Amino acid sequence: MANLRRKLPPLTALTAFEAVARLGGFTRAAAELGVTQAAISRQIHLLEDMFGFPLFRRLHRRVELTEKGKQLSSTTSTAFNLIAETISDWSKEEAGDDLAIAATIAFSHFWLLPRIASFSKAHPNIRLRIITQDNAIKVDGEDVDLAIRFGSGLWPDGDAEFLFHDEIFPICSADYAQEIGQIRDLAQLTRYPLITNDTADPTWTNWNQWLAAFSVTIPGKGSGMHCSFYTEAIYAALNGHGIALGWRRLVEDLLTQNRLVRLTNEAIVTQNAYFFIAPRRRARKKAVDLFIEWLKREASLPEP
């Protein structure tokens, strides 16, 4: 290390040189570094005396790098950038108590938000930002630290890890269930309003697909409220507008509270599953690892 220091010129001189080379002039470098132009000139002369050759060609009102000056400029620029990136990474670690989690509207509303208070209680210094939208948010950008998605687990923008499968069955409000009585045959379901919701997601199961799994078809167009989002479909069911499809992981709290009831024993298990996905191109924050540990614990809790 001592030999290395003897080979290196003073950092002040290298800083002045890097600024002149980048900005293209002594005056601009002096303004950026907050010193006089004469001070910059002295540092450059110091380097040139040490090396024994000029680093700049002094032209009329401007300077131009020599070939060796260009070599040193490239090296100092790379070195300073690496130092800046390292310090930036440290700053990010210090600011690692900010955590951005992306999830769909339904998952955020029915599963994540009702549980997340336990994470905040355990880690009060971590500031959470929940990004909610049904279109998948890419995690290889700068805004998302972790995403929770439903699908195959094969996504190009990050590394996915399995969280849980789900199962789907008919649900409605307790009052509505009492009104229609016991469902003895799945074909009976088609006599009642079936609440549906829009989705462009091919992994989402609708009423036609669910009933087809039991060789039942909906006659004609069927009846029932049509909603834009799954959250709206669930609230429509809560308010007695008909029967919706319940994704157990999403509605289990409402079932436990008896605000919704399961109408049949029949259910289908999803082929796809919920995964959490983290960026692979960025260093992972400590807060992300803490959140993943919490997420796994919550996912493994027994059913209510």
C-alpha atoms as a PDB file:
ATOM      1  CA  MET A   1       0.000   0.000   0.000  1.00  0.00           C
ATOM      2  CA  ALA A   2       2.910   2.379   0.811  1.00  0.00           C
ATOM      3  CA  ASN A   3       4.453   1.683  -2.603  1.00  0.00           C
ATOM      4  CA  LEU A   4       1.081   2.396  -4.237  1.00  0.00           C
ATOM      5  CA  ARG A   5       0.778   5.758  -2.498  1.00  0.00           C
ATOM      6  CA  ARG A   6       4.274   6.745  -3.631  1.00  0.00           C
ATOM      7  CA  LYS A   7       3.287   6.022  -7.232  1.00  0.00           C
ATOM      8  CA  LEU A   8       0.099   8.072  -7.103  1.00  0.00           C
ATOM      9  CA  PRO A   9       0.023  11.857  -7.544  1.00  0.00           C
ATOM     10  CA  PRO A  10      -1.805  14.003  -4.974  1.00  0.00           C
ATOM     11  CA  LEU A  11      -5.579  13.499  -4.975  1.00  0.00           C
ATOM     12  CA  THR A  12      -6.105  17.275  -5.109  1.00  0.00           C
ATOM     13  CA  ALA A  13      -4.184  17.432  -8.382  1.00  0.00           C
ATOM     14  CA  LEU A  14      -6.088  14.459  -9.834  1.00  0.00           C
ATOM     15  CA  THR A  15      -9.392  16.045  -8.824  1.00  0.00           C
ATOM     16  CA  ALA A  16      -8.436  19.279 -10.582  1.00  0.00           C
ATOM     17  CA  PHE A  17      -7.298  17.370 -13.679  1.00  0.00           C
ATOM     18  CA  GLU A  18     -10.532  15.325 -13.850  1.00  0.00           C
ATOM     19  CA  ALA A  19     -12.643  18.469 -13.624  1.00  0.00           C
ATOM     20  CA  VAL A  20     -10.668  20.292 -16.342  1.00  0.00           C
ATOM     21  CA  ALA A  21     -10.760  17.251 -18.640  1.00  0.00           C
ATOM     22  CA  ARG A  22     -14.501  16.749 -18.118  1.00  0.00           C
ATOM     23  CA  LEU A  23     -15.511  20.405 -18.360  1.00  0.00           C
ATOM     24  CA  GLY A  24     -13.036  21.401 -21.053  1.00  0.00           C
ATOM     25  CA  GLY A  25     -11.493  24.406 -19.331  1.00  0.00           C
ATOM     26  CA  PHE A  26      -9.693  25.757 -16.272  1.00  0.00           C
ATOM     27  CA  THR A  27     -12.321  28.413 -15.557  1.00  0.00           C
ATOM     28  CA  ARG A  28     -15.209  25.958 -15.443  1.00  0.00           C
ATOM     29  CA  ALA A  29     -13.209  23.540 -13.307  1.00  0.00           C
ATOM     30  CA  ALA A  30     -12.330  26.311 -10.880  1.00  0.00           C
ATOM     31  CA  ALA A  31     -16.014  27.329 -10.586  1.00  0.00           C
ATOM     32  CA  GLU A  32     -17.105  23.738  -9.933  1.00  0.00           C
ATOM     33  CA  LEU A  33     -14.429  23.099  -7.299  1.00  0.00           C
ATOM     34  CA  GLY A  34     -14.800  26.505  -5.687  1.00  0.00           C
ATOM     35  CA  VAL A  35     -11.173  27.589  -6.137  1.00  0.00           C
ATOM     36  CA  THR A  36      -9.361  30.109  -8.306  1.00  0.00           C
ATOM     37  CA  GLN A  37      -8.281  29.439 -11.863  1.00  0.00           C
ATOM     38  CA  ALA A  38      -4.668  29.968 -10.748  1.00  0.00           C
ATOM     39  CA  ALA A  39      -5.067  27.156  -8.196  1.00  0.00           C
ATOM     40  CA  ILE A  40      -6.318  24.804 -10.892  1.00  0.00           C
ATOM     41  CA  SER A  41      -3.439  25.807 -13.150  1.00  0.00           C
ATOM     42  CA  ARG A  42      -0.909  25.074 -10.367  1.00  0.00           C
ATOM     43  CA  GLN A  43      -2.332  21.568  -9.820  1.00  0.00           C
ATOM     44  CA  ILE A  44      -2.156  20.761 -13.536  1.00  0.00           C
ATOM     45  CA  HIS A  45       1.433  22.008 -13.760  1.00  0.00           C
ATOM     46  CA  LEU A  46       2.265  19.860 -10.723  1.00  0.00           C
ATOM     47  CA  LEU A  47       1.011  16.761 -12.544  1.00  0.00           C
ATOM     48  CA  GLU A  48       2.785  17.610 -15.774  1.00  0.00           C
ATOM     49  CA  ASP A  49       6.056  18.194 -13.886  1.00  0.00           C
ATOM     50  CA  MET A  50       5.658  14.825 -12.125  1.00  0.00           C
ATOM     51  CA  PHE A  51       4.923  12.956 -15.373  1.00  0.00           C
ATOM     52  CA  GLY A  52       7.400  14.873 -17.530  1.00  0.00           C
ATOM     53  CA  PHE A  53       4.955  15.534 -20.351  1.00  0.00           C
ATOM     54  CA  PRO A  54       1.971  17.818 -21.019  1.00  0.00           C
ATOM     55  CA  LEU A  55      -1.578  16.675 -20.343  1.00  0.00           C
ATOM     56  CA  PHE A  56      -3.244  19.559 -22.203  1.00  0.00           C
ATOM     57  CA  ARG A  57      -2.603  21.648 -25.268  1.00  0.00           C
ATOM     58  CA  ARG A  58      -3.217  25.283 -24.402  1.00  0.00           C
ATOM     59  CA  LEU A  59      -5.201  26.762 -27.265  1.00  0.00           C
ATOM     60  CA  HIS A  60      -6.880  30.133 -27.643  1.00  0.00           C
ATOM     61  CA  ARG A  61      -9.520  30.326 -24.875  1.00  0.00           C
ATOM     62  CA  ARG A  62      -9.659  26.587 -24.464  1.00  0.00           C
ATOM     63  CA  VAL A  63      -7.581  23.518 -23.665  1.00  0.00           C
ATOM     64  CA  GLU A  64      -7.392  20.179 -25.413  1.00  0.00           C
ATOM     65  CA  LEU A  65      -6.249  16.853 -23.988  1.00  0.00           C
ATOM     66  CA  THR A  66      -3.085  15.288 -25.333  1.00  0.00           C
ATOM     67  CA  GLU A  67      -3.100  11.557 -26.091  1.00  0.00           C
ATOM     68  CA  LYS A  68      -1.654  10.761 -22.656  1.00  0.00           C
ATOM     69  CA  GLY A  69      -4.055  13.273 -21.177  1.00  0.00           C
ATOM     70  CA  LYS A  70      -6.927  11.337 -22.743  1.00  0.00           C
ATOM     71  CA  GLN A  71      -5.617   8.104 -21.212  1.00  0.00           C
ATOM     72  CA  LEU A  72      -5.385   9.654 -17.751  1.00  0.00           C
ATOM     73  CA  SER A  73      -8.819  11.264 -18.167  1.00  0.00           C
ATOM     74  CA  SER A  74     -10.398   7.900 -18.946  1.00  0.00           C
ATOM     75  CA  THR A  75      -8.713   6.301 -15.943  1.00  0.00           C
ATOM     76  CA  THR A  76      -9.540   9.044 -13.456  1.00  0.00           C
ATOM     77  CA  SER A  77     -13.131   9.251 -14.692  1.00  0.00           C
ATOM     78  CA  THR A  78     -13.590   5.495 -14.209  1.00  0.00           C
ATOM     79  CA  ALA A  79     -11.952   5.542 -10.789  1.00  0.00           C
ATOM     80  CA  PHE A  80     -13.964   8.532  -9.538  1.00  0.00           C
ATOM     81  CA  ASN A  81     -17.188   6.991 -10.832  1.00  0.00           C
ATOM     82  CA  LEU A  82     -16.448   3.741  -8.997  1.00  0.00           C
ATOM     83  CA  ILE A  83     -15.815   5.665  -5.785  1.00  0.00           C
ATOM     84  CA  ALA A  84     -19.058   7.610  -6.284  1.00  0.00           C
ATOM     85  CA  GLU A  85     -21.020   4.405  -6.914  1.00  0.00           C
ATOM     86  CA  THR A  86     -19.620   2.802  -3.776  1.00  0.00           C
ATOM     87  CA  ILE A  87     -20.572   5.815  -1.673  1.00  0.00           C
ATOM     88  CA  SER A  88     -24.001   5.851  -3.350  1.00  0.00           C
ATOM     89  CA  ASP A  89     -24.473   2.190  -2.449  1.00  0.00           C
ATOM     90  CA  TRP A  90     -23.619   3.008   1.158  1.00  0.00           C
ATOM     91  CA  SER A  91     -26.169   5.797   1.096  1.00  0.00           C
ATOM     92  CA  LYS A  92     -28.780   3.395  -0.251  1.00  0.00           C
ATOM     93  CA  GLU A  93     -27.985   0.972   2.559  1.00  0.00           C
ATOM     94  CA  GLU A  94     -28.413   3.765   5.090  1.00  0.00           C
ATOM     95  CA  ALA A  95     -31.708   4.656   3.383  1.00  0.00           C
ATOM     96  CA  GLY A  96     -32.624   0.988   3.179  1.00  0.00           C
ATOM     97  CA  ASP A  97     -35.527   1.569   5.528  1.00  0.00           C
ATOM     98  CA  ASP A  98     -37.606   2.591   2.506  1.00  0.00           C
ATOM     99  CA  LEU A  99     -39.309  -0.431   0.968  1.00  0.00           C
ATOM    100  CA  ALA A 100     -41.532  -0.405  -2.134  1.00  0.00           C
ATOM    101  CA  ILE A 101     -43.791  -3.453  -2.559  1.00  0.00           C
ATOM    102  CA  ALA A 102     -45.890  -3.988  -5.698  1.00  0.00           C
ATOM    103  CA  ALA A 103     -48.983  -6.187  -5.834  1.00  0.00           C
ATOM    104  CA  THR A 104     -52.356  -6.432  -7.534  1.00  0.00           C
ATOM    105  CA  ILE A 105     -55.323  -4.510  -6.201  1.00  0.00           C
ATOM    106  CA  ALA A 106     -57.023  -7.649  -4.890  1.00  0.00           C
ATOM    107  CA  PHE A 107     -53.926  -9.099  -3.241  1.00  0.00           C
ATOM    108  CA  SER A 108     -53.048  -5.794  -1.614  1.00  0.00           C
ATOM    109  CA  HIS A 109     -56.592  -5.145  -0.441  1.00  0.00           C
ATOM    110  CA  PHE A 110     -57.570  -8.568   0.867  1.00  0.00           C
ATOM    111  CA  TRP A 111     -54.307 -10.290   1.832  1.00  0.00           C
ATOM    112  CA  LEU A 112     -51.384  -7.906   2.223  1.00  0.00           C
ATOM    113  CA  LEU A 113     -52.826  -4.828   3.917  1.00  0.00           C
ATOM    114  CA  PRO A 114     -54.803  -6.720   6.611  1.00  0.00           C
ATOM    115  CA  ARG A 115     -51.576  -8.461   7.684  1.00  0.00           C
ATOM    116  CA  ILE A 116     -48.877  -5.878   7.142  1.00  0.00           C
ATOM    117  CA  ALA A 117     -49.328  -4.188  10.499  1.00  0.00           C
ATOM    118  CA  SER A 118     -47.439  -7.076  12.104  1.00  0.00           C
ATOM    119  CA  PHE A 119     -44.439  -6.362   9.876  1.00  0.00           C
ATOM    120  CA  SER A 120     -44.520  -2.643  10.659  1.00  0.00           C
ATOM    121  CA  LYS A 121     -44.779  -3.399  14.371  1.00  0.00           C
ATOM    122  CA  ALA A 122     -41.733  -5.682  14.198  1.00  0.00           C
ATOM    123  CA  HIS A 123     -39.765  -3.213  12.027  1.00  0.00           C
ATOM    124  CA  PRO A 124     -41.003   0.292  12.854  1.00  0.00           C
ATOM    125  CA  ASN A 125     -38.013   1.959  11.150  1.00  0.00           C
ATOM    126  CA  ILE A 126     -38.874   0.541   7.726  1.00  0.00           C
ATOM    127  CA  ARG A 127     -41.097   2.881   5.733  1.00  0.00           C
ATOM    128  CA  LEU A 128     -43.382   0.886   3.461  1.00  0.00           C
ATOM    129  CA  ARG A 129     -44.768   2.038   0.138  1.00  0.00           C
ATOM    130  CA  ILE A 130     -47.397  -0.233  -1.391  1.00  0.00           C
ATOM    131  CA  ILE A 131     -47.688   0.126  -5.168  1.00  0.00           C
ATOM    132  CA  THR A 132     -51.039  -1.268  -6.237  1.00  0.00           C
ATOM    133  CA  GLN A 133     -52.118  -1.917  -9.812  1.00  0.00           C
ATOM    134  CA  ASP A 134     -53.296  -4.945 -11.766  1.00  0.00           C
ATOM    135  CA  ASN A 135     -50.815  -4.491 -14.611  1.00  0.00           C
ATOM    136  CA  ALA A 136     -47.563  -6.185 -13.631  1.00  0.00           C
ATOM    137  CA  ILE A 137     -44.980  -3.637 -12.531  1.00  0.00           C
ATOM    138  CA  LYS A 138     -41.456  -4.472 -13.652  1.00  0.00           C
ATOM    139  CA  VAL A 139     -39.021  -4.959 -10.812  1.00  0.00           C
ATOM    140  CA  ASP A 140     -35.870  -4.266 -12.829  1.00  0.00           C
ATOM    141  CA  GLY A 141     -36.468  -0.515 -12.637  1.00  0.00           C
ATOM    142  CA  GLU A 142     -35.646   1.738  -9.706  1.00  0.00           C
ATOM    143  CA  ASP A 143     -39.062   2.059  -8.053  1.00  0.00           C
ATOM    144  CA  VAL A 144     -39.876  -1.473  -6.866  1.00  0.00           C
ATOM    145  CA  ASP A 145     -37.933  -3.536  -4.315  1.00  0.00           C
ATOM    146  CA  LEU A 146     -40.235  -6.566  -4.380  1.00  0.00           C
ATOM    147  CA  ALA A 147     -43.362  -7.603  -6.281  1.00  0.00           C
ATOM    148  CA  ILE A 148     -45.987 -10.226  -5.520  1.00  0.00           C
ATOM    149  CA  ARG A 149     -47.503 -11.819  -8.597  1.00  0.00           C
ATOM    150  CA  PHE A 150     -49.815 -14.642  -9.583  1.00  0.00           C
ATOM    151  CA  GLY A 151     -48.678 -16.770 -12.497  1.00  0.00           C
ATOM    152  CA  SER A 152     -46.188 -19.407 -13.615  1.00  0.00           C
ATOM    153  CA  GLY A 153     -43.201 -17.906 -11.830  1.00  0.00           C
ATOM    154  CA  LEU A 154     -41.329 -17.398 -15.097  1.00  0.00           C
ATOM    155  CA  TRP A 155     -40.721 -13.687 -15.568  1.00  0.00           C
ATOM    156  CA  PRO A 156     -37.747 -12.076 -17.308  1.00  0.00           C
ATOM    157  CA  ASP A 157     -37.356  -9.071 -15.013  1.00  0.00           C
ATOM    158  CA  GLY A 158     -36.446 -10.773 -11.739  1.00  0.00           C
ATOM    159  CA  ASP A 159     -35.971 -13.890  -9.643  1.00  0.00           C
ATOM    160  CA  ALA A 160     -39.261 -15.422  -8.492  1.00  0.00           C
ATOM    161  CA  GLU A 161     -39.794 -17.623  -5.460  1.00  0.00           C
ATOM    162  CA  PHE A 162     -42.930 -19.653  -4.715  1.00  0.00           C
ATOM    163  CA  LEU A 163     -45.286 -18.321  -2.053  1.00  0.00           C
ATOM    164  CA  PHE A 164     -48.477 -20.410  -2.256  1.00  0.00           C
ATOM    165  CA  HIS A 165     -51.124 -21.942  -4.512  1.00  0.00           C
ATOM    166  CA  ASP A 166     -54.785 -21.043  -4.173  1.00  0.00           C
ATOM    167  CA  GLU A 167     -58.158 -22.729  -4.463  1.00  0.00           C
ATOM    168  CA  ILE A 168     -61.395 -21.305  -5.810  1.00  0.00           C
ATOM    169  CA  PHE A 169     -64.995 -21.937  -4.746  1.00  0.00           C
ATOM    170  CA  PRO A 170     -68.392 -20.148  -4.753  1.00  0.00           C
ATOM    171  CA  ILE A 171     -69.035 -17.598  -1.984  1.00  0.00           C
ATOM    172  CA  CYS A 172     -71.756 -15.150  -0.992  1.00  0.00           C
ATOM    173  CA  SER A 173     -72.929 -13.203   2.028  1.00  0.00           C
ATOM    174  CA  ALA A 174     -74.324 -15.130   4.972  1.00  0.00           C
ATOM    175  CA  ASP A 175     -77.771 -13.578   4.473  1.00  0.00           C
ATOM    176  CA  TYR A 176     -77.802 -14.442   0.777  1.00  0.00           C
ATOM    177  CA  ALA A 177     -76.761 -18.037   1.543  1.00  0.00           C
ATOM    178  CA  GLN A 178     -79.664 -18.354   3.964  1.00  0.00           C
ATOM    179  CA  GLU A 179     -82.009 -16.924   1.350  1.00  0.00           C
ATOM    180  CA  ILE A 180     -81.090 -19.408  -1.404  1.00  0.00           C
ATOM    181  CA  GLY A 181     -80.694 -22.436   0.848  1.00  0.00           C
ATOM    182  CA  GLN A 182     -78.385 -25.413   0.438  1.00  0.00           C
ATOM    183  CA  ILE A 183     -76.720 -25.999  -2.946  1.00  0.00           C
ATOM    184  CA  ARG A 184     -77.092 -29.731  -3.662  1.00  0.00           C
ATOM    185  CA  ASP A 185     -76.102 -29.611  -7.350  1.00  0.00           C
ATOM    186  CA  LEU A 186     -73.618 -27.218  -8.951  1.00  0.00           C
ATOM    187  CA  ALA A 187     -76.073 -26.633 -11.793  1.00  0.00           C
ATOM    188  CA  GLN A 188     -78.239 -24.849  -9.204  1.00  0.00           C
ATOM    189  CA  LEU A 189     -75.666 -22.050  -9.119  1.00  0.00           C
ATOM    190  CA  THR A 190     -76.623 -20.969 -12.633  1.00  0.00           C
ATOM    191  CA  ARG A 191     -80.114 -20.104 -11.445  1.00  0.00           C
ATOM    192  CA  TYR A 192     -78.762 -17.277  -9.310  1.00  0.00           C
ATOM    193  CA  PRO A 193     -76.903 -14.063 -10.179  1.00  0.00           C
ATOM    194  CA  LEU A 194     -73.240 -14.901 -10.692  1.00  0.00           C
ATOM    195  CA  ILE A 195     -70.988 -11.929 -10.029  1.00  0.00           C
ATOM    196  CA  THR A 196     -68.158 -11.553 -12.546  1.00  0.00           C
ATOM    197  CA  ASN A 197     -65.234  -9.206 -13.035  1.00  0.00           C
ATOM    198  CA  ASP A 198     -63.151  -8.063 -15.995  1.00  0.00           C
ATOM    199  CA  THR A 199     -59.571  -9.213 -16.379  1.00  0.00           C
ATOM    200  CA  ALA A 200     -57.078  -9.553 -19.212  1.00  0.00           C
ATOM    201  CA  ASP A 201     -55.049 -12.006 -17.136  1.00  0.00           C
ATOM    202  CA  PRO A 202     -55.248 -15.475 -18.749  1.00  0.00           C
ATOM    203  CA  THR A 203     -54.330 -17.116 -15.421  1.00  0.00           C
ATOM    204  CA  TRP A 204     -57.497 -15.778 -13.748  1.00  0.00           C
ATOM    205  CA  THR A 205     -60.377 -18.252 -13.450  1.00  0.00           C
ATOM    206  CA  ASN A 206     -63.872 -17.077 -14.395  1.00  0.00           C
ATOM    207  CA  TRP A 207     -67.274 -18.649 -13.839  1.00  0.00           C
ATOM    208  CA  ASN A 208     -67.372 -20.433 -17.208  1.00  0.00           C
ATOM    209  CA  GLN A 209     -64.011 -22.084 -16.519  1.00  0.00           C
ATOM    210  CA  TRP A 210     -64.869 -22.980 -12.950  1.00  0.00           C
ATOM    211  CA  LEU A 211     -68.202 -24.571 -13.819  1.00  0.00           C
ATOM    212  CA  ALA A 212     -66.725 -26.318 -16.870  1.00  0.00           C
ATOM    213  CA  ALA A 213     -64.322 -28.114 -14.506  1.00  0.00           C
ATOM    214  CA  PHE A 214     -67.446 -29.839 -13.141  1.00  0.00           C
ATOM    215  CA  SER A 215     -69.123 -30.287 -16.538  1.00  0.00           C
ATOM    216  CA  VAL A 216     -71.630 -27.491 -15.924  1.00  0.00           C
ATOM    217  CA  THR A 217     -72.401 -24.757 -18.440  1.00  0.00           C
ATOM    218  CA  ILE A 218     -74.119 -21.420 -17.952  1.00  0.00           C
ATOM    219  CA  PRO A 219     -77.300 -21.298 -20.059  1.00  0.00           C
ATOM    220  CA  GLY A 220     -77.375 -18.236 -22.285  1.00  0.00           C
ATOM    221  CA  LYS A 221     -75.672 -15.117 -20.993  1.00  0.00           C
ATOM    222  CA  GLY A 222     -76.553 -15.846 -17.396  1.00  0.00           C
ATOM    223  CA  SER A 223     -77.379 -13.135 -14.893  1.00  0.00           C
ATOM    224  CA  GLY A 224     -75.484 -11.222 -12.282  1.00  0.00           C
ATOM    225  CA  MET A 225     -73.512  -8.071 -11.695  1.00  0.00           C
ATOM    226  CA  HIS A 226     -70.478  -7.373 -13.891  1.00  0.00           C
ATOM    227  CA  CYS A 227     -67.607  -5.566 -12.151  1.00  0.00           C
ATOM    228  CA  SER A 228     -64.371  -4.027 -13.346  1.00  0.00           C
ATOM    229  CA  PHE A 229     -62.196  -5.418 -10.542  1.00  0.00           C
ATOM    230  CA  TYR A 230     -62.186  -8.444  -8.274  1.00  0.00           C
ATOM    231  CA  THR A 231     -62.391  -6.197  -5.225  1.00  0.00           C
ATOM    232  CA  GLU A 232     -65.688  -4.830  -6.554  1.00  0.00           C
ATOM    233  CA  ALA A 233     -66.995  -8.363  -7.144  1.00  0.00           C
ATOM    234  CA  ILE A 234     -66.249  -9.274  -3.527  1.00  0.00           C
ATOM    235  CA  TYR A 235     -67.977  -6.160  -2.204  1.00  0.00           C
ATOM    236  CA  ALA A 236     -70.945  -6.926  -4.426  1.00  0.00           C
ATOM    237  CA  ALA A 237     -71.106 -10.384  -2.832  1.00  0.00           C
ATOM    238  CA  LEU A 238     -70.760  -8.876   0.654  1.00  0.00           C
ATOM    239  CA  ASN A 239     -73.756  -6.683  -0.095  1.00  0.00           C
ATOM    240  CA  GLY A 240     -75.949  -9.567  -1.226  1.00  0.00           C
ATOM    241  CA  HIS A 241     -75.912  -9.023  -4.993  1.00  0.00           C
ATOM    242  CA  GLY A 242     -75.255 -12.667  -5.815  1.00  0.00           C
ATOM    243  CA  ILE A 243     -72.563 -15.338  -5.836  1.00  0.00           C
ATOM    244  CA  ALA A 244     -68.892 -14.685  -6.575  1.00  0.00           C
ATOM    245  CA  LEU A 245     -65.886 -16.938  -6.949  1.00  0.00           C
ATOM    246  CA  GLY A 246     -63.771 -16.835  -3.835  1.00  0.00           C
ATOM    247  CA  TRP A 247     -60.021 -17.206  -4.037  1.00  0.00           C
ATOM    248  CA  ARG A 248     -59.393 -18.676  -0.607  1.00  0.00           C
ATOM    249  CA  ARG A 249     -56.134 -16.847   0.094  1.00  0.00           C
ATOM    250  CA  LEU A 250     -57.822 -13.553  -0.669  1.00  0.00           C
ATOM    251  CA  VAL A 251     -61.117 -14.025   1.155  1.00  0.00           C
ATOM    252  CA  GLU A 252     -60.129 -16.226   4.097  1.00  0.00           C
ATOM    253  CA  ASP A 253     -60.360 -13.316   6.565  1.00  0.00           C
ATOM    254  CA  LEU A 254     -63.876 -12.524   5.365  1.00  0.00           C
ATOM    255  CA  LEU A 255     -64.797 -16.185   5.724  1.00  0.00           C
ATOM    256  CA  THR A 256     -63.396 -16.301   9.252  1.00  0.00           C
ATOM    257  CA  GLN A 257     -65.454 -13.221  10.125  1.00  0.00           C
ATOM    258  CA  ASN A 258     -68.530 -14.913   8.592  1.00  0.00           C
ATOM    259  CA  ARG A 259     -69.027 -11.891   6.367  1.00  0.00           C
ATOM    260  CA  LEU A 260     -68.802 -14.330   3.458  1.00  0.00           C
ATOM    261  CA  VAL A 261     -69.668 -18.021   3.432  1.00  0.00           C
ATOM    262  CA  ARG A 262     -68.571 -20.887   1.230  1.00  0.00           C
ATOM    263  CA  LEU A 263     -71.494 -22.380  -0.639  1.00  0.00           C
ATOM    264  CA  THR A 264     -70.116 -25.739  -1.820  1.00  0.00           C
ATOM    265  CA  ASN A 265     -67.434 -28.265  -0.957  1.00  0.00           C
ATOM    266  CA  GLU A 266     -66.343 -28.333  -4.595  1.00  0.00           C
ATOM    267  CA  ALA A 267     -63.267 -26.269  -5.407  1.00  0.00           C
ATOM    268  CA  ILE A 268     -60.522 -26.164  -7.986  1.00  0.00           C
ATOM    269  CA  VAL A 269     -56.864 -25.732  -7.104  1.00  0.00           C
ATOM    270  CA  THR A 270     -55.013 -23.246  -9.263  1.00  0.00           C
ATOM    271  CA  GLN A 271     -52.276 -24.518 -11.561  1.00  0.00           C
ATOM    272  CA  ASN A 272     -50.470 -21.210 -11.206  1.00  0.00           C
ATOM    273  CA  ALA A 273     -49.432 -19.766  -7.883  1.00  0.00           C
ATOM    274  CA  TYR A 274     -48.437 -16.626  -6.026  1.00  0.00           C
ATOM    275  CA  PHE A 275     -44.752 -15.738  -6.136  1.00  0.00           C
ATOM    276  CA  PHE A 276     -42.650 -12.909  -4.826  1.00  0.00           C
ATOM    277  CA  ILE A 277     -40.134 -11.564  -7.299  1.00  0.00           C
ATOM    278  CA  ALA A 278     -37.037  -9.483  -6.594  1.00  0.00           C
ATOM    279  CA  PRO A 279     -34.770  -7.592  -8.998  1.00  0.00           C
ATOM    280  CA  ARG A 280     -31.712  -9.550 -10.072  1.00  0.00           C
ATOM    281  CA  ARG A 281     -29.681  -6.574 -11.277  1.00  0.00           C
ATOM    282  CA  ARG A 282     -29.555  -4.619  -8.015  1.00  0.00           C
ATOM    283  CA  ALA A 283     -28.079  -5.341  -4.632  1.00  0.00           C
ATOM    284  CA  ARG A 284     -30.898  -6.412  -2.325  1.00  0.00           C
ATOM    285  CA  LYS A 285     -31.717  -4.158   0.604  1.00  0.00           C
ATOM    286  CA  LYS A 286     -31.668  -5.640   4.082  1.00  0.00           C
ATOM    287  CA  ALA A 287     -35.274  -4.505   4.418  1.00  0.00           C
ATOM    288  CA  VAL A 288     -36.219  -6.736   1.471  1.00  0.00           C
ATOM    289  CA  ASP A 289     -34.798  -9.819   3.204  1.00  0.00           C
ATOM    290  CA  LEU A 290     -36.705  -8.931   6.355  1.00  0.00           C
ATOM    291  CA  PHE A 291     -39.923  -8.521   4.379  1.00  0.00           C
ATOM    292  CA  ILE A 292     -39.386 -11.842   2.579  1.00  0.00           C
ATOM    293  CA  GLU A 293     -38.911 -13.614   5.921  1.00  0.00           C
ATOM    294  CA  TRP A 294     -42.141 -12.078   7.172  1.00  0.00           C
ATOM    295  CA  LEU A 295     -43.957 -12.939   3.932  1.00  0.00           C
ATOM    296  CA  LYS A 296     -42.927 -16.596   4.174  1.00  0.00           C
ATOM    297  CA  ARG A 297     -44.064 -16.809   7.780  1.00  0.00           C
ATOM    298  CA  GLU A 298     -47.451 -15.317   6.947  1.00  0.00           C
ATOM    299  CA  ALA A 299     -47.835 -17.623   3.945  1.00  0.00           C
ATOM    300  CA  SER A 300     -47.117 -20.708   6.062  1.00  0.00           C
ATOM    301  CA  LEU A 301     -49.592 -19.906   8.832  1.00  0.00           C
ATOM    302  CA  PRO A 302     -52.371 -22.507   9.151  1.00  0.00           C
ATOM    303  CA  GLU A 303     -55.723 -21.795   7.604  1.00  0.00           C
ATOM    304  CA  PRO A 304     -58.228 -20.154   9.928  1.00  0.00           C
END
